[in-house]
Amino acid sequence: MTTTSKPESRSDRMRQHIYHRAIECFSESGYDAVSMREIAAKAEVSVGLIYHYYTGKEDIARCWYIEQVEALAAAMAGLPAGQLADRYRQVLELNLRRLRPMRGAMLALFAGAMRSDAAASLMDSPSGHRLSSAYRQLILDSDDALRDTAATDLGAVLYMFHMLLIVFWLYDRSRDQATTEKLLAFWHEMFKLLRPMFFLPMVPQGIAKLARIVMPDRQRISDSVSAAAQDDAGNGQHENLDVHGQ
């Protein structure tokens, strides 16, 4: 039986048009230097129309970040076989390369997410659980794979360090963020040293406890994300993954 995706509405096309013109502005002039009026001029629309679709520049940056999350999750599924420590480093390096062109926008987005009155969380969020689930699969597909339950807990912890590395990278003032590269190399070495200890009972117990702390709703949201992905695979639609939807 052949299925078709939901036709894109005029409103959807306008939202996408504004979004792509805004990203062009950020890439050409830098996030901080771009105003909403400049985005409006680039898109040939009114500032008011932009605010109809987005709450501001940070909202557009959030959409771009979620797109990168989806792209990274897809790339993780295609990584070659190997040890978990090596594959994890590849993912972290790939993620930083993807974010680097919009570093200014990511700095504003993460700084905003740290405010006490922030409307959205970047850690315990659908996109966060999407990557946590992708890390779980990365673990299961590695040559030194863990059992399913342990992989779920470790996936949440690896995602936590993923986010911490982004924050460190954003505030890294060294030339070309060279200190972040050193930290990544150090973490890779430590991971390889610690990996054989995962068979000790206290290690998976500690990982499970940490996973519950950093992502308390991980199982519920991960299940809903997986169900949505299976739904999309079955009917050819991707509405739940639309980062530009209202």
C-alpha atoms as a PDB file:
ATOM      1  CA  MET A   1       0.000   0.000   0.000  1.00  0.00           C
ATOM      2  CA  THR A   2       1.449   3.355  -1.042  1.00  0.00           C
ATOM      3  CA  THR A   3       1.282   6.285   1.389  1.00  0.00           C
ATOM      4  CA  THR A   4       1.977   9.944   0.789  1.00  0.00           C
ATOM      5  CA  SER A   5       3.176  12.725   3.051  1.00  0.00           C
ATOM      6  CA  LYS A   6       0.861  15.505   4.097  1.00  0.00           C
ATOM      7  CA  PRO A   7       1.006  18.321   1.505  1.00  0.00           C
ATOM      8  CA  GLU A   8       2.953  21.367   2.629  1.00  0.00           C
ATOM      9  CA  SER A   9       0.679  24.332   3.277  1.00  0.00           C
ATOM     10  CA  ARG A  10       1.319  27.917   2.222  1.00  0.00           C
ATOM     11  CA  SER A  11       1.967  28.777   5.868  1.00  0.00           C
ATOM     12  CA  ASP A  12       4.551  25.985   6.118  1.00  0.00           C
ATOM     13  CA  ARG A  13       6.302  27.243   3.001  1.00  0.00           C
ATOM     14  CA  MET A  14       6.434  30.782   4.383  1.00  0.00           C
ATOM     15  CA  ARG A  15       7.825  29.545   7.686  1.00  0.00           C
ATOM     16  CA  GLN A  16      10.533  27.604   5.853  1.00  0.00           C
ATOM     17  CA  HIS A  17      11.299  30.599   3.626  1.00  0.00           C
ATOM     18  CA  ILE A  18      11.810  32.903   6.615  1.00  0.00           C
ATOM     19  CA  TYR A  19      13.855  30.266   8.400  1.00  0.00           C
ATOM     20  CA  HIS A  20      16.267  29.695   5.502  1.00  0.00           C
ATOM     21  CA  ARG A  21      16.736  33.424   4.881  1.00  0.00           C
ATOM     22  CA  ALA A  22      17.477  33.921   8.599  1.00  0.00           C
ATOM     23  CA  ILE A  23      20.088  31.163   8.568  1.00  0.00           C
ATOM     24  CA  GLU A  24      21.688  32.787   5.525  1.00  0.00           C
ATOM     25  CA  CYS A  25      21.866  36.079   7.441  1.00  0.00           C
ATOM     26  CA  PHE A  26      23.463  34.382  10.455  1.00  0.00           C
ATOM     27  CA  SER A  27      26.017  32.642   8.233  1.00  0.00           C
ATOM     28  CA  GLU A  28      26.916  35.793   6.307  1.00  0.00           C
ATOM     29  CA  SER A  29      27.045  38.372   9.114  1.00  0.00           C
ATOM     30  CA  GLY A  30      27.162  36.445  12.377  1.00  0.00           C
ATOM     31  CA  TYR A  31      24.287  35.828  14.750  1.00  0.00           C
ATOM     32  CA  ASP A  32      24.901  38.806  17.054  1.00  0.00           C
ATOM     33  CA  ALA A  33      25.153  41.309  14.208  1.00  0.00           C
ATOM     34  CA  VAL A  34      21.855  40.348  12.577  1.00  0.00           C
ATOM     35  CA  SER A  35      18.626  42.126  13.500  1.00  0.00           C
ATOM     36  CA  MET A  36      15.067  41.001  12.888  1.00  0.00           C
ATOM     37  CA  ARG A  37      14.725  43.868  10.378  1.00  0.00           C
ATOM     38  CA  GLU A  38      17.652  42.490   8.391  1.00  0.00           C
ATOM     39  CA  ILE A  39      16.064  39.047   8.362  1.00  0.00           C
ATOM     40  CA  ALA A  40      12.795  40.607   7.202  1.00  0.00           C
ATOM     41  CA  ALA A  41      14.591  42.452   4.406  1.00  0.00           C
ATOM     42  CA  LYS A  42      16.393  39.277   3.321  1.00  0.00           C
ATOM     43  CA  ALA A  43      13.126  37.336   3.281  1.00  0.00           C
ATOM     44  CA  GLU A  44      11.214  40.263   1.740  1.00  0.00           C
ATOM     45  CA  VAL A  45       8.527  40.119   4.417  1.00  0.00           C
ATOM     46  CA  SER A  46       7.499  42.337   7.314  1.00  0.00           C
ATOM     47  CA  VAL A  47       9.032  42.023  10.781  1.00  0.00           C
ATOM     48  CA  GLY A  48       5.522  41.402  12.098  1.00  0.00           C
ATOM     49  CA  LEU A  49       5.134  38.364   9.837  1.00  0.00           C
ATOM     50  CA  ILE A  50       8.357  36.877  11.196  1.00  0.00           C
ATOM     51  CA  TYR A  51       7.034  37.249  14.745  1.00  0.00           C
ATOM     52  CA  HIS A  52       3.915  35.409  13.646  1.00  0.00           C
ATOM     53  CA  TYR A  53       6.060  32.330  13.084  1.00  0.00           C
ATOM     54  CA  TYR A  54       8.990  32.804  15.474  1.00  0.00           C
ATOM     55  CA  THR A  55       9.344  34.494  18.849  1.00  0.00           C
ATOM     56  CA  GLY A  56      12.736  35.894  17.867  1.00  0.00           C
ATOM     57  CA  LYS A  57      16.258  35.044  16.726  1.00  0.00           C
ATOM     58  CA  GLU A  58      16.737  32.546  19.551  1.00  0.00           C
ATOM     59  CA  ASP A  59      13.667  30.629  18.416  1.00  0.00           C
ATOM     60  CA  ILE A  60      15.128  30.360  14.910  1.00  0.00           C
ATOM     61  CA  ALA A  61      18.464  29.236  16.374  1.00  0.00           C
ATOM     62  CA  ARG A  62      16.631  26.556  18.367  1.00  0.00           C
ATOM     63  CA  CYS A  63      15.066  25.217  15.166  1.00  0.00           C
ATOM     64  CA  TRP A  64      18.508  25.054  13.548  1.00  0.00           C
ATOM     65  CA  TYR A  65      19.899  23.219  16.583  1.00  0.00           C
ATOM     66  CA  ILE A  66      17.080  20.643  16.486  1.00  0.00           C
ATOM     67  CA  GLU A  67      17.814  20.070  12.799  1.00  0.00           C
ATOM     68  CA  GLN A  68      21.419  19.331  13.745  1.00  0.00           C
ATOM     69  CA  VAL A  69      20.223  16.883  16.401  1.00  0.00           C
ATOM     70  CA  GLU A  70      18.213  14.997  13.777  1.00  0.00           C
ATOM     71  CA  ALA A  71      21.135  15.019  11.333  1.00  0.00           C
ATOM     72  CA  LEU A  72      23.557  13.817  14.018  1.00  0.00           C
ATOM     73  CA  ALA A  73      21.228  10.998  15.093  1.00  0.00           C
ATOM     74  CA  ALA A  74      21.013   9.857  11.468  1.00  0.00           C
ATOM     75  CA  ALA A  75      24.806  10.034  11.063  1.00  0.00           C
ATOM     76  CA  MET A  76      25.317   7.986  14.228  1.00  0.00           C
ATOM     77  CA  ALA A  77      23.307   5.139  12.724  1.00  0.00           C
ATOM     78  CA  GLY A  78      25.731   4.998   9.807  1.00  0.00           C
ATOM     79  CA  LEU A  79      29.015   4.952  11.740  1.00  0.00           C
ATOM     80  CA  PRO A  80      31.364   2.048  10.981  1.00  0.00           C
ATOM     81  CA  ALA A  81      31.743  -0.747  13.523  1.00  0.00           C
ATOM     82  CA  GLY A  82      34.258  -0.375  16.317  1.00  0.00           C
ATOM     83  CA  GLN A  83      34.823   0.088  20.036  1.00  0.00           C
ATOM     84  CA  LEU A  84      32.388   2.309  21.904  1.00  0.00           C
ATOM     85  CA  ALA A  85      35.041   4.783  23.078  1.00  0.00           C
ATOM     86  CA  ASP A  86      36.253   5.366  19.524  1.00  0.00           C
ATOM     87  CA  ARG A  87      32.739   5.705  18.082  1.00  0.00           C
ATOM     88  CA  TYR A  88      31.706   8.080  20.858  1.00  0.00           C
ATOM     89  CA  ARG A  89      34.656  10.352  20.128  1.00  0.00           C
ATOM     90  CA  GLN A  90      33.723  10.364  16.435  1.00  0.00           C
ATOM     91  CA  VAL A  91      30.201  11.488  17.313  1.00  0.00           C
ATOM     92  CA  LEU A  92      31.384  14.274  19.618  1.00  0.00           C
ATOM     93  CA  GLU A  93      33.842  15.550  17.004  1.00  0.00           C
ATOM     94  CA  LEU A  94      31.194  15.406  14.290  1.00  0.00           C
ATOM     95  CA  ASN A  95      28.731  17.315  16.466  1.00  0.00           C
ATOM     96  CA  LEU A  96      31.170  20.158  17.138  1.00  0.00           C
ATOM     97  CA  ARG A  97      31.984  20.390  13.420  1.00  0.00           C
ATOM     98  CA  ARG A  98      28.273  20.691  12.641  1.00  0.00           C
ATOM     99  CA  LEU A  99      27.701  23.382  15.268  1.00  0.00           C
ATOM    100  CA  ARG A 100      30.834  25.428  14.524  1.00  0.00           C
ATOM    101  CA  PRO A 101      29.363  27.529  11.640  1.00  0.00           C
ATOM    102  CA  MET A 102      26.654  28.812  14.020  1.00  0.00           C
ATOM    103  CA  ARG A 103      28.712  29.059  17.206  1.00  0.00           C
ATOM    104  CA  GLY A 104      27.384  32.551  17.981  1.00  0.00           C
ATOM    105  CA  ALA A 105      23.794  31.386  17.663  1.00  0.00           C
ATOM    106  CA  MET A 106      24.482  28.341  19.837  1.00  0.00           C
ATOM    107  CA  LEU A 107      26.091  30.548  22.492  1.00  0.00           C
ATOM    108  CA  ALA A 108      22.940  32.681  22.630  1.00  0.00           C
ATOM    109  CA  LEU A 109      20.679  29.623  22.629  1.00  0.00           C
ATOM    110  CA  PHE A 110      22.491  27.817  25.439  1.00  0.00           C
ATOM    111  CA  ALA A 111      22.864  31.000  27.493  1.00  0.00           C
ATOM    112  CA  GLY A 112      19.129  31.578  27.156  1.00  0.00           C
ATOM    113  CA  ALA A 113      18.354  27.991  28.133  1.00  0.00           C
ATOM    114  CA  MET A 114      20.319  28.491  31.364  1.00  0.00           C
ATOM    115  CA  ARG A 115      18.081  31.319  32.554  1.00  0.00           C
ATOM    116  CA  SER A 116      15.730  30.456  35.413  1.00  0.00           C
ATOM    117  CA  ASP A 117      12.780  31.716  33.361  1.00  0.00           C
ATOM    118  CA  ALA A 118      13.719  29.792  30.198  1.00  0.00           C
ATOM    119  CA  ALA A 119      10.653  28.444  28.408  1.00  0.00           C
ATOM    120  CA  ALA A 120      12.388  25.322  27.073  1.00  0.00           C
ATOM    121  CA  SER A 121      14.984  22.851  28.325  1.00  0.00           C
ATOM    122  CA  LEU A 122      17.749  21.584  26.081  1.00  0.00           C
ATOM    123  CA  MET A 123      18.669  18.699  28.368  1.00  0.00           C
ATOM    124  CA  ASP A 124      15.443  16.949  29.386  1.00  0.00           C
ATOM    125  CA  SER A 125      13.587  17.589  26.122  1.00  0.00           C
ATOM    126  CA  PRO A 126      12.332  15.579  23.118  1.00  0.00           C
ATOM    127  CA  SER A 127      15.510  16.431  21.184  1.00  0.00           C
ATOM    128  CA  GLY A 128      17.598  15.426  24.189  1.00  0.00           C
ATOM    129  CA  HIS A 129      15.831  12.096  24.461  1.00  0.00           C
ATOM    130  CA  ARG A 130      16.205  11.629  20.721  1.00  0.00           C
ATOM    131  CA  LEU A 131      19.990  11.810  21.063  1.00  0.00           C
ATOM    132  CA  SER A 132      19.955   9.742  24.243  1.00  0.00           C
ATOM    133  CA  SER A 133      18.137   7.009  22.308  1.00  0.00           C
ATOM    134  CA  ALA A 134      20.622   7.360  19.441  1.00  0.00           C
ATOM    135  CA  TYR A 135      23.487   6.926  21.911  1.00  0.00           C
ATOM    136  CA  ARG A 136      21.760   3.826  23.309  1.00  0.00           C
ATOM    137  CA  GLN A 137      21.727   2.342  19.800  1.00  0.00           C
ATOM    138  CA  LEU A 138      25.339   3.374  19.264  1.00  0.00           C
ATOM    139  CA  ILE A 139      26.242   1.415  22.400  1.00  0.00           C
ATOM    140  CA  LEU A 140      24.284  -1.660  21.321  1.00  0.00           C
ATOM    141  CA  ASP A 141      25.888  -1.600  17.856  1.00  0.00           C
ATOM    142  CA  SER A 142      29.466  -1.286  19.170  1.00  0.00           C
ATOM    143  CA  ASP A 143      31.869  -4.215  19.251  1.00  0.00           C
ATOM    144  CA  ASP A 144      31.945  -4.041  23.061  1.00  0.00           C
ATOM    145  CA  ALA A 145      28.165  -3.678  23.423  1.00  0.00           C
ATOM    146  CA  LEU A 146      26.354  -3.676  26.761  1.00  0.00           C
ATOM    147  CA  ARG A 147      23.039  -5.276  27.644  1.00  0.00           C
ATOM    148  CA  ASP A 148      19.904  -3.368  26.681  1.00  0.00           C
ATOM    149  CA  THR A 149      19.072  -1.941  30.129  1.00  0.00           C
ATOM    150  CA  ALA A 150      22.651  -0.852  30.769  1.00  0.00           C
ATOM    151  CA  ALA A 151      22.776   0.674  27.279  1.00  0.00           C
ATOM    152  CA  THR A 152      19.672   2.777  28.012  1.00  0.00           C
ATOM    153  CA  ASP A 153      21.222   4.185  31.195  1.00  0.00           C
ATOM    154  CA  LEU A 154      24.636   4.749  29.634  1.00  0.00           C
ATOM    155  CA  GLY A 155      23.002   6.437  26.630  1.00  0.00           C
ATOM    156  CA  ALA A 156      21.562   9.089  28.952  1.00  0.00           C
ATOM    157  CA  VAL A 157      24.937   9.595  30.643  1.00  0.00           C
ATOM    158  CA  LEU A 158      26.797   9.862  27.330  1.00  0.00           C
ATOM    159  CA  TYR A 159      24.263  12.471  26.249  1.00  0.00           C
ATOM    160  CA  MET A 160      24.902  14.394  29.472  1.00  0.00           C
ATOM    161  CA  PHE A 161      28.640  14.546  28.687  1.00  0.00           C
ATOM    162  CA  HIS A 162      27.724  15.453  25.090  1.00  0.00           C
ATOM    163  CA  MET A 163      25.914  18.547  26.405  1.00  0.00           C
ATOM    164  CA  LEU A 164      28.650  19.411  28.894  1.00  0.00           C
ATOM    165  CA  LEU A 165      31.208  19.315  26.083  1.00  0.00           C
ATOM    166  CA  ILE A 166      29.104  21.738  24.022  1.00  0.00           C
ATOM    167  CA  VAL A 167      28.912  24.168  26.965  1.00  0.00           C
ATOM    168  CA  PHE A 168      32.686  23.894  27.521  1.00  0.00           C
ATOM    169  CA  TRP A 169      33.296  24.466  23.790  1.00  0.00           C
ATOM    170  CA  LEU A 170      31.016  27.512  23.718  1.00  0.00           C
ATOM    171  CA  TYR A 171      32.924  29.174  26.548  1.00  0.00           C
ATOM    172  CA  ASP A 172      36.361  28.026  25.420  1.00  0.00           C
ATOM    173  CA  ARG A 173      38.418  31.156  24.681  1.00  0.00           C
ATOM    174  CA  SER A 174      41.537  29.347  23.465  1.00  0.00           C
ATOM    175  CA  ARG A 175      42.581  29.731  19.832  1.00  0.00           C
ATOM    176  CA  ASP A 176      40.218  27.682  17.629  1.00  0.00           C
ATOM    177  CA  GLN A 177      38.908  26.128  20.862  1.00  0.00           C
ATOM    178  CA  ALA A 178      42.072  24.016  21.114  1.00  0.00           C
ATOM    179  CA  THR A 179      41.412  23.355  24.815  1.00  0.00           C
ATOM    180  CA  THR A 180      38.181  21.597  23.898  1.00  0.00           C
ATOM    181  CA  GLU A 181      40.137  19.291  21.579  1.00  0.00           C
ATOM    182  CA  LYS A 182      42.491  18.439  24.462  1.00  0.00           C
ATOM    183  CA  LEU A 183      39.551  17.752  26.767  1.00  0.00           C
ATOM    184  CA  LEU A 184      37.961  15.504  24.154  1.00  0.00           C
ATOM    185  CA  ALA A 185      41.206  13.551  23.711  1.00  0.00           C
ATOM    186  CA  PHE A 186      41.524  13.168  27.493  1.00  0.00           C
ATOM    187  CA  TRP A 187      37.923  11.949  27.852  1.00  0.00           C
ATOM    188  CA  HIS A 188      38.501   9.434  25.043  1.00  0.00           C
ATOM    189  CA  GLU A 189      41.559   8.024  26.843  1.00  0.00           C
ATOM    190  CA  MET A 190      39.716   7.836  30.173  1.00  0.00           C
ATOM    191  CA  PHE A 191      36.710   6.142  28.593  1.00  0.00           C
ATOM    192  CA  LYS A 192      38.923   3.437  27.101  1.00  0.00           C
ATOM    193  CA  LEU A 193      40.548   2.868  30.495  1.00  0.00           C
ATOM    194  CA  LEU A 194      37.235   2.742  32.378  1.00  0.00           C
ATOM    195  CA  ARG A 195      35.313   0.599  29.879  1.00  0.00           C
ATOM    196  CA  PRO A 196      36.635  -2.762  31.238  1.00  0.00           C
ATOM    197  CA  MET A 197      35.280  -1.813  34.672  1.00  0.00           C
ATOM    198  CA  PHE A 198      31.674  -1.812  33.432  1.00  0.00           C
ATOM    199  CA  PHE A 199      31.308  -5.477  34.433  1.00  0.00           C
ATOM    200  CA  LEU A 200      31.687  -4.524  38.130  1.00  0.00           C
ATOM    201  CA  PRO A 201      28.229  -4.258  39.797  1.00  0.00           C
ATOM    202  CA  MET A 202      28.823  -0.820  41.321  1.00  0.00           C
ATOM    203  CA  VAL A 203      29.621   0.799  37.936  1.00  0.00           C
ATOM    204  CA  PRO A 204      26.297   0.078  36.128  1.00  0.00           C
ATOM    205  CA  GLN A 205      24.474   0.900  39.380  1.00  0.00           C
ATOM    206  CA  GLY A 206      26.204   4.275  39.502  1.00  0.00           C
ATOM    207  CA  ILE A 207      25.478   4.916  35.826  1.00  0.00           C
ATOM    208  CA  ALA A 208      21.793   4.072  36.366  1.00  0.00           C
ATOM    209  CA  LYS A 209      21.595   6.457  39.320  1.00  0.00           C
ATOM    210  CA  LEU A 210      23.246   9.249  37.328  1.00  0.00           C
ATOM    211  CA  ALA A 211      20.892   8.633  34.392  1.00  0.00           C
ATOM    212  CA  ARG A 212      17.870   9.002  36.677  1.00  0.00           C
ATOM    213  CA  ILE A 213      19.262  12.279  38.015  1.00  0.00           C
ATOM    214  CA  VAL A 214      20.021  13.953  34.698  1.00  0.00           C
ATOM    215  CA  MET A 215      17.078  12.600  32.671  1.00  0.00           C
ATOM    216  CA  PRO A 216      14.310  11.516  35.081  1.00  0.00           C
ATOM    217  CA  ASP A 217      11.717  11.157  32.314  1.00  0.00           C
ATOM    218  CA  ARG A 218      14.035   9.440  29.865  1.00  0.00           C
ATOM    219  CA  GLN A 219      12.090   6.166  29.594  1.00  0.00           C
ATOM    220  CA  ARG A 220       8.693   7.793  29.051  1.00  0.00           C
ATOM    221  CA  ILE A 221       9.903  10.299  26.467  1.00  0.00           C
ATOM    222  CA  SER A 222      12.230   7.805  24.779  1.00  0.00           C
ATOM    223  CA  ASP A 223       9.301   5.433  24.341  1.00  0.00           C
ATOM    224  CA  SER A 224       7.197   8.205  22.781  1.00  0.00           C
ATOM    225  CA  VAL A 225      10.055   9.225  20.467  1.00  0.00           C
ATOM    226  CA  SER A 226      10.537   5.606  19.373  1.00  0.00           C
ATOM    227  CA  ALA A 227       6.817   5.182  18.800  1.00  0.00           C
ATOM    228  CA  ALA A 228       6.704   8.360  16.728  1.00  0.00           C
ATOM    229  CA  ALA A 229       9.680   7.214  14.646  1.00  0.00           C
ATOM    230  CA  GLN A 230       8.033   3.843  14.000  1.00  0.00           C
ATOM    231  CA  ASP A 231       4.798   5.608  13.112  1.00  0.00           C
ATOM    232  CA  ASP A 232       6.629   7.816  10.618  1.00  0.00           C
ATOM    233  CA  ALA A 233       8.359   4.814   9.074  1.00  0.00           C
ATOM    234  CA  GLY A 234       4.994   3.165   8.597  1.00  0.00           C
ATOM    235  CA  ASN A 235       2.999   6.033   7.106  1.00  0.00           C
ATOM    236  CA  GLY A 236       5.675   8.114   5.390  1.00  0.00           C
ATOM    237  CA  GLN A 237       4.904  11.226   7.470  1.00  0.00           C
ATOM    238  CA  HIS A 238       7.241  13.214   9.677  1.00  0.00           C
ATOM    239  CA  GLU A 239       4.985  15.699  11.398  1.00  0.00           C
ATOM    240  CA  ASN A 240       6.342  14.911  14.885  1.00  0.00           C
ATOM    241  CA  LEU A 241       9.874  15.779  13.770  1.00  0.00           C
ATOM    242  CA  ASP A 242       8.985  19.119  12.182  1.00  0.00           C
ATOM    243  CA  VAL A 243      11.158  21.657  14.000  1.00  0.00           C
ATOM    244  CA  HIS A 244       9.311  24.535  12.325  1.00  0.00           C
ATOM    245  CA  GLY A 245       5.822  23.465  13.394  1.00  0.00           C
ATOM    246  CA  GLN A 246       3.844  25.673  15.727  1.00  0.00           C
END
